[in-house]
Amino acid sequence: NIQVAPAVGSYGIGRISNMIVREKYPNTTHKAPNVNAGQDQSTTVGSDVSLSGTAINYNITGGAIVSTDWTIISQPSGASATFDDATSLTTTLSDLTVAGDYEIQLSATDDSGYVGKDTVIVTAEAVHDFAVGDRMLIDLGGTATSGTSGTVTTSPQPDGRYWNTLNQPGGNPTYNVFVDTAGTTISASVTTTGTWYLGVGINPNGGNTSGVGDYPSSATSDSWIVNTPDGGNTLLMTLPAGTSSIKFWGARSTTGTYTSKITLNGTTLSYNASANATYTNGAIFTSVVSDGTTPLSFALDASSSSNSFAYYGVVDITRTE
């Protein structure tokens, strides 16, 4: 690409006496497309995974991406994972029937034949049976969608137990990777509906910063908060088939009456979260039967006769039969 500057001669006829060449493109090297296959992911055996990648054309003279393709670079022995559409930037990876790492590659080709590539690792965890006597502990807290964040309960704790921390459910995501207190992955999921807030630390909306029973302070000091006027707050929980005891517990650092209600299958239980330092002061549902596929629907609400806010910090689940 050049620009030519003509000079006028003595005879009044234009002639080219000087040629001034300016580089229009500082870097004339044609680069392969910039490809991003997304973040590494974890799931459980038998679950599907959504993959979403990007591909940006780097042909400086124009052109376009003409094709994209997902391929499986490596997978556990005996596995045969599949894509629902291997040529779309957004696809679903299915048939994760064997535990282990699946290395997935996204490639993109431009109209000059240049190819860009990126890989992502999908880890499928083995599913545990969740036998009688097994226990799962959930810390409702963690990262907030805005403002101050809570504290993640790390695993294992000094007592050897493993925890699951669920962030404030902004956008109501689905959480589908859980472990029991021994650190073994189990087949479970939690989905939410409604508007949620996060209470942290020793401020008025915070919780118990000392820990209660075998619940560490990282689990008791933050909580999901429901404000009754918002309405429609539901926690949908899918557990392995069997019968379990499910306990909800929460705390607000200040005194008063903050009755936190939970309703399951027409049965409503509640507790007062105000300055709660009592391990047994929670809502305990006994003999909850799960078929392994149908979500248990817990409606969470505050008591209109006390205060419009309710606090939920821990969900404690034990398989009983």
Protein backbone atom coordinates (compact mmCIF):
# COMPACT_ATOMS: atom_id res chain seq x y z
CA ASN A 1 0.00 0.00 0.00
CA ILE A 2 1.69 3.19 -1.20
CA GLN A 3 0.89 6.83 -1.59
CA VAL A 4 2.45 8.66 -4.57
CA ALA A 5 3.07 12.43 -4.44
CA PRO A 6 3.50 13.88 -7.96
CA ALA A 7 5.58 17.00 -8.61
CA VAL A 8 4.73 19.51 -11.37
CA GLY A 9 7.43 19.84 -14.08
CA SER A 10 8.69 23.00 -15.83
CA TYR A 11 6.57 22.28 -18.88
CA GLY A 12 3.29 22.33 -16.97
CA ILE A 13 2.86 18.58 -17.48
CA GLY A 14 2.51 16.48 -14.38
CA ARG A 15 5.33 14.03 -13.88
CA ILE A 16 6.34 11.78 -11.04
CA SER A 17 9.60 13.03 -9.61
CA ASN A 18 9.34 11.69 -6.07
CA MET A 19 7.70 8.61 -4.67
CA ILE A 20 6.87 8.79 -0.99
CA VAL A 21 6.00 5.39 0.47
CA ARG A 22 4.19 5.28 3.75
CA GLU A 23 3.48 2.03 5.57
CA LYS A 24 -0.26 1.80 6.11
CA TYR A 25 0.00 -1.35 8.24
CA PRO A 26 2.87 -1.23 10.76
CA ASN A 27 2.82 -5.02 11.13
CA THR A 28 2.24 -6.86 7.88
CA THR A 29 2.51 -10.33 9.49
CA HIS A 30 -0.69 -12.32 9.02
CA LYS A 31 -1.62 -13.85 12.38
CA ALA A 32 -3.76 -16.89 13.09
CA PRO A 33 -7.19 -16.28 14.67
CA ASN A 34 -7.23 -15.54 18.39
CA VAL A 35 -9.17 -18.43 19.94
CA ASN A 36 -10.44 -18.80 23.53
CA ALA A 37 -12.06 -22.09 24.53
CA GLY A 38 -13.30 -20.75 27.90
CA GLN A 39 -12.49 -21.61 31.51
CA ASP A 40 -11.75 -25.10 32.84
CA GLN A 41 -14.82 -26.74 34.33
CA SER A 42 -15.77 -29.46 36.80
CA THR A 43 -18.89 -31.61 36.78
CA THR A 44 -20.01 -35.08 37.80
CA VAL A 45 -20.04 -38.26 35.74
CA GLY A 46 -23.22 -38.43 33.68
CA SER A 47 -23.75 -34.66 33.55
CA ASP A 48 -23.58 -32.47 30.45
CA VAL A 49 -21.30 -29.42 30.19
CA SER A 50 -21.94 -26.23 28.20
CA LEU A 51 -18.91 -24.97 26.26
CA SER A 52 -18.70 -21.43 24.90
CA GLY A 53 -15.68 -20.17 22.98
CA THR A 54 -14.65 -17.13 20.96
CA ALA A 55 -12.65 -16.71 17.76
CA ILE A 56 -11.34 -13.34 16.53
CA ASN A 57 -10.01 -12.79 13.02
CA TYR A 58 -6.44 -11.42 12.87
CA ASN A 59 -6.04 -11.03 9.11
CA ILE A 60 -4.90 -7.40 8.88
CA THR A 61 -6.04 -7.07 5.29
CA GLY A 62 -9.59 -8.13 6.06
CA GLY A 63 -11.15 -11.52 5.65
CA ALA A 64 -13.15 -13.52 8.15
CA ILE A 65 -13.38 -16.68 10.24
CA VAL A 66 -14.78 -19.34 7.94
CA SER A 67 -15.00 -22.34 10.27
CA THR A 68 -14.76 -23.41 13.92
CA ASP A 69 -14.43 -26.91 15.28
CA TRP A 70 -14.44 -28.60 18.70
CA THR A 71 -12.40 -31.79 19.05
CA ILE A 72 -11.52 -34.11 21.93
CA ILE A 73 -7.74 -34.23 22.35
CA SER A 74 -7.75 -36.74 25.19
CA GLN A 75 -10.23 -38.41 27.52
CA PRO A 76 -10.19 -41.17 30.15
CA SER A 77 -9.80 -44.73 28.93
CA GLY A 78 -13.17 -46.14 27.89
CA ALA A 79 -14.83 -42.73 27.54
CA SER A 80 -16.60 -41.61 24.37
CA ALA A 81 -17.76 -38.02 24.94
CA THR A 82 -19.71 -36.26 22.20
CA PHE A 83 -20.71 -32.74 21.09
CA ASP A 84 -24.22 -31.75 20.10
CA ASP A 85 -22.71 -29.41 17.45
CA ALA A 86 -18.94 -29.55 17.03
CA THR A 87 -18.89 -26.64 14.56
CA SER A 88 -20.66 -24.04 16.73
CA LEU A 89 -18.79 -21.74 19.12
CA THR A 90 -21.41 -22.69 21.73
CA THR A 91 -21.98 -26.40 22.20
CA THR A 92 -22.78 -29.09 24.78
CA LEU A 93 -20.36 -31.83 25.77
CA SER A 94 -22.24 -35.02 26.66
CA ASP A 95 -21.66 -38.69 27.47
CA LEU A 96 -19.13 -38.04 30.24
CA THR A 97 -19.46 -41.61 31.44
CA VAL A 98 -15.98 -42.06 32.91
CA ALA A 99 -14.38 -40.03 35.71
CA GLY A 100 -11.29 -38.03 34.83
CA ASP A 101 -10.04 -35.14 32.69
CA TYR A 102 -11.34 -34.44 29.20
CA GLU A 103 -9.05 -32.17 27.15
CA ILE A 104 -11.13 -30.27 24.62
CA GLN A 105 -9.75 -28.16 21.77
CA LEU A 106 -11.44 -25.33 19.89
CA SER A 107 -9.91 -24.40 16.55
CA ALA A 108 -10.83 -21.61 14.13
CA THR A 109 -9.79 -21.18 10.49
CA ASP A 110 -9.80 -17.89 8.55
CA ASP A 111 -10.32 -17.45 4.80
CA SER A 112 -6.57 -17.51 4.20
CA GLY A 113 -6.22 -20.92 5.83
CA TYR A 114 -4.60 -19.74 9.06
CA VAL A 115 -5.69 -21.78 12.12
CA GLY A 116 -5.86 -20.71 15.77
CA LYS A 117 -6.35 -23.15 18.65
CA ASP A 118 -7.06 -23.21 22.39
CA THR A 119 -7.85 -25.97 24.86
CA VAL A 120 -10.02 -26.34 27.94
CA ILE A 121 -10.08 -29.09 30.57
CA VAL A 122 -13.40 -30.57 31.71
CA THR A 123 -13.07 -32.73 34.84
CA ALA A 124 -15.78 -35.31 35.51
CA GLU A 125 -15.85 -36.35 39.17
CA ALA A 126 -16.96 -39.82 40.21
CA VAL A 127 -20.42 -39.93 41.76
CA HIS A 128 -20.68 -41.18 45.32
CA ASP A 129 -23.69 -43.17 46.53
CA PHE A 130 -24.29 -40.96 49.63
CA ALA A 131 -24.82 -43.93 51.91
CA VAL A 132 -26.68 -44.05 55.21
CA GLY A 133 -24.77 -41.99 57.77
CA ASP A 134 -23.08 -39.81 55.17
CA ARG A 135 -23.31 -36.05 55.69
CA MET A 136 -23.09 -32.97 53.47
CA LEU A 137 -22.49 -29.43 54.82
CA ILE A 138 -23.26 -26.27 52.83
CA ASP A 139 -22.10 -22.76 53.74
CA LEU A 140 -24.51 -20.19 52.30
CA GLY A 141 -22.24 -17.17 51.91
CA GLY A 142 -19.08 -16.68 49.91
CA THR A 143 -18.82 -14.07 47.18
CA ALA A 144 -21.52 -11.46 46.71
CA THR A 145 -22.62 -10.18 43.32
CA SER A 146 -21.96 -6.68 44.64
CA GLY A 147 -20.65 -5.09 47.81
CA THR A 148 -18.86 -6.90 50.62
CA SER A 149 -18.24 -10.63 50.19
CA GLY A 150 -18.51 -13.35 52.79
CA THR A 151 -15.97 -15.99 53.73
CA VAL A 152 -15.42 -19.26 51.90
CA THR A 153 -15.30 -22.26 54.23
CA THR A 154 -12.11 -24.01 53.17
CA SER A 155 -11.73 -27.78 53.09
CA PRO A 156 -10.81 -29.79 54.92
CA GLN A 157 -11.47 -27.97 58.17
CA PRO A 158 -9.28 -28.72 61.24
CA ASP A 159 -11.82 -31.39 62.24
CA GLY A 160 -11.26 -33.07 58.86
CA ARG A 161 -14.67 -32.26 57.42
CA TYR A 162 -15.18 -30.95 53.90
CA TRP A 163 -17.64 -28.16 53.15
CA ASN A 164 -19.40 -26.71 50.12
CA THR A 165 -19.64 -22.90 49.87
CA LEU A 166 -22.38 -21.39 47.69
CA ASN A 167 -21.97 -17.75 46.68
CA GLN A 168 -24.80 -15.25 46.88
CA PRO A 169 -27.06 -16.47 44.04
CA GLY A 170 -27.11 -13.35 41.87
CA GLY A 171 -28.78 -14.42 38.64
CA ASN A 172 -29.94 -17.66 40.32
CA PRO A 173 -27.33 -20.07 38.95
CA THR A 174 -27.29 -23.85 39.38
CA TYR A 175 -24.66 -25.34 41.68
CA ASN A 176 -23.94 -28.95 40.71
CA VAL A 177 -20.62 -30.04 42.21
CA PHE A 178 -20.89 -31.16 45.84
CA VAL A 179 -18.84 -33.26 48.24
CA ASP A 180 -19.75 -35.01 51.46
CA THR A 181 -17.85 -34.37 54.68
CA ALA A 182 -15.27 -36.98 53.64
CA GLY A 183 -14.50 -35.03 50.47
CA THR A 184 -16.14 -37.51 48.09
CA THR A 185 -18.14 -36.09 45.20
CA ILE A 186 -21.86 -36.87 45.30
CA SER A 187 -24.63 -36.34 42.78
CA ALA A 188 -26.50 -33.27 44.01
CA SER A 189 -27.55 -29.86 42.73
CA VAL A 190 -29.02 -26.62 44.06
CA THR A 191 -30.90 -24.01 42.05
CA THR A 192 -32.51 -20.82 43.37
CA THR A 193 -35.25 -18.41 42.40
CA GLY A 194 -35.97 -14.93 43.72
CA THR A 195 -33.89 -12.02 45.00
CA TRP A 196 -31.17 -12.66 47.59
CA TYR A 197 -28.85 -10.53 49.71
CA LEU A 198 -25.67 -11.30 51.64
CA GLY A 199 -25.08 -10.64 55.34
CA VAL A 200 -21.44 -10.53 56.46
CA GLY A 201 -19.39 -10.22 59.66
CA ILE A 202 -20.44 -8.26 62.72
CA ASN A 203 -22.46 -5.53 61.00
CA PRO A 204 -26.24 -5.55 61.68
CA ASN A 205 -26.82 -7.94 58.78
CA GLY A 206 -23.89 -10.17 59.74
CA GLY A 207 -23.94 -13.44 61.63
CA ASN A 208 -22.20 -15.29 64.45
CA THR A 209 -18.45 -14.73 64.14
CA SER A 210 -17.46 -17.30 66.79
CA GLY A 211 -18.68 -20.51 65.19
CA VAL A 212 -21.40 -22.77 66.59
CA GLY A 213 -20.94 -26.46 67.34
CA ASP A 214 -19.06 -28.02 64.41
CA TYR A 215 -20.02 -25.07 62.18
CA PRO A 216 -16.88 -22.89 61.80
CA SER A 217 -17.05 -19.10 61.97
CA SER A 218 -16.57 -18.88 58.19
CA ALA A 219 -19.95 -20.62 57.83
CA THR A 220 -21.82 -18.88 60.65
CA SER A 221 -20.64 -15.30 60.05
CA ASP A 222 -22.29 -14.88 56.63
CA SER A 223 -25.67 -15.85 55.25
CA TRP A 224 -28.12 -15.54 52.42
CA ILE A 225 -30.81 -13.01 53.30
CA VAL A 226 -34.42 -13.00 52.14
CA ASN A 227 -36.53 -9.84 52.24
CA THR A 228 -40.22 -10.80 52.41
CA PRO A 229 -41.50 -7.99 50.14
CA ASP A 230 -39.38 -9.38 47.28
CA GLY A 231 -41.19 -12.72 47.45
CA GLY A 232 -40.65 -15.87 45.42
CA ASN A 233 -37.48 -17.13 47.16
CA THR A 234 -37.09 -20.84 46.53
CA LEU A 235 -34.21 -23.25 46.94
CA LEU A 236 -34.51 -26.30 44.70
CA MET A 237 -32.34 -29.18 45.88
CA THR A 238 -31.74 -32.49 44.13
CA LEU A 239 -30.23 -35.24 46.28
CA PRO A 240 -29.33 -38.90 45.69
CA ALA A 241 -32.29 -41.24 46.11
CA GLY A 242 -32.97 -42.02 49.74
CA THR A 243 -34.22 -40.51 52.99
CA SER A 244 -32.38 -37.66 54.70
CA SER A 245 -32.55 -35.21 57.57
CA ILE A 246 -32.15 -31.64 56.33
CA LYS A 247 -31.40 -28.77 58.71
CA PHE A 248 -31.40 -25.03 57.96
CA TRP A 249 -29.53 -22.76 60.40
CA GLY A 250 -28.72 -19.05 60.36
CA ALA A 251 -27.74 -16.08 62.49
CA ARG A 252 -28.01 -12.29 62.58
CA SER A 253 -25.49 -10.56 64.85
CA THR A 254 -27.99 -8.22 66.52
CA THR A 255 -30.81 -9.04 68.92
CA GLY A 256 -34.49 -8.83 68.15
CA THR A 257 -36.86 -11.16 66.35
CA TYR A 258 -35.89 -12.35 62.89
CA THR A 259 -38.00 -15.42 62.31
CA SER A 260 -36.64 -17.35 59.34
CA LYS A 261 -39.17 -19.72 57.76
CA ILE A 262 -38.73 -22.71 55.46
CA THR A 263 -41.62 -24.59 53.87
CA LEU A 264 -41.39 -28.04 52.25
CA ASN A 265 -44.40 -29.97 50.94
CA GLY A 266 -46.82 -27.85 52.99
CA THR A 267 -44.86 -28.14 56.24
CA THR A 268 -43.41 -24.87 57.60
CA LEU A 269 -40.60 -24.78 60.16
CA SER A 270 -38.80 -21.70 61.52
CA TYR A 271 -36.16 -20.38 63.91
CA ASN A 272 -35.20 -16.98 65.31
CA ALA A 273 -31.87 -16.00 63.73
CA SER A 274 -31.24 -13.08 66.10
CA ALA A 275 -27.90 -13.50 67.90
CA ASN A 276 -28.21 -17.23 67.26
CA ALA A 277 -25.50 -19.16 69.10
CA THR A 278 -27.45 -22.36 69.60
CA TYR A 279 -26.55 -25.34 67.44
CA THR A 280 -30.01 -26.89 67.67
CA ASN A 281 -31.87 -23.64 66.97
CA GLY A 282 -32.66 -24.36 63.35
CA ALA A 283 -35.36 -25.77 61.11
CA ILE A 284 -34.90 -29.55 60.90
CA PHE A 285 -36.87 -31.57 58.37
CA THR A 286 -36.70 -35.29 59.19
CA SER A 287 -37.46 -38.20 56.87
CA VAL A 288 -37.20 -36.18 53.66
CA VAL A 289 -37.51 -38.60 50.75
CA SER A 290 -35.72 -37.90 47.44
CA ASP A 291 -36.14 -39.97 44.27
CA GLY A 292 -32.76 -38.77 42.96
CA THR A 293 -34.20 -36.71 40.08
CA THR A 294 -37.09 -34.54 41.29
CA PRO A 295 -35.89 -31.38 43.08
CA LEU A 296 -37.03 -30.75 46.65
CA SER A 297 -38.64 -27.30 46.67
CA PHE A 298 -37.93 -25.26 49.82
CA ALA A 299 -39.73 -21.90 50.06
CA LEU A 300 -37.74 -19.44 52.19
CA ASP A 301 -39.43 -16.46 53.81
CA ALA A 302 -39.46 -14.21 56.87
CA SER A 303 -42.29 -14.03 59.36
CA SER A 304 -44.42 -10.97 58.67
CA SER A 305 -45.24 -10.78 62.38
CA SER A 306 -41.59 -10.19 63.36
CA ASN A 307 -39.39 -8.64 60.69
CA SER A 308 -39.21 -8.68 56.92
CA PHE A 309 -35.72 -10.24 56.81
CA ALA A 310 -34.75 -13.91 57.20
CA TYR A 311 -31.22 -15.37 57.50
CA TYR A 312 -29.91 -18.71 56.22
CA GLY A 313 -26.25 -19.60 56.81
CA VAL A 314 -25.91 -23.39 56.86
CA VAL A 315 -27.66 -26.36 55.28
CA ASP A 316 -26.79 -29.62 57.06
CA ILE A 317 -27.86 -32.86 55.35
CA THR A 318 -27.49 -36.41 56.73
CA ARG A 319 -28.60 -39.58 54.95
CA THR A 320 -30.74 -41.52 57.44
CA GLU A 321 -32.04 -44.49 55.45
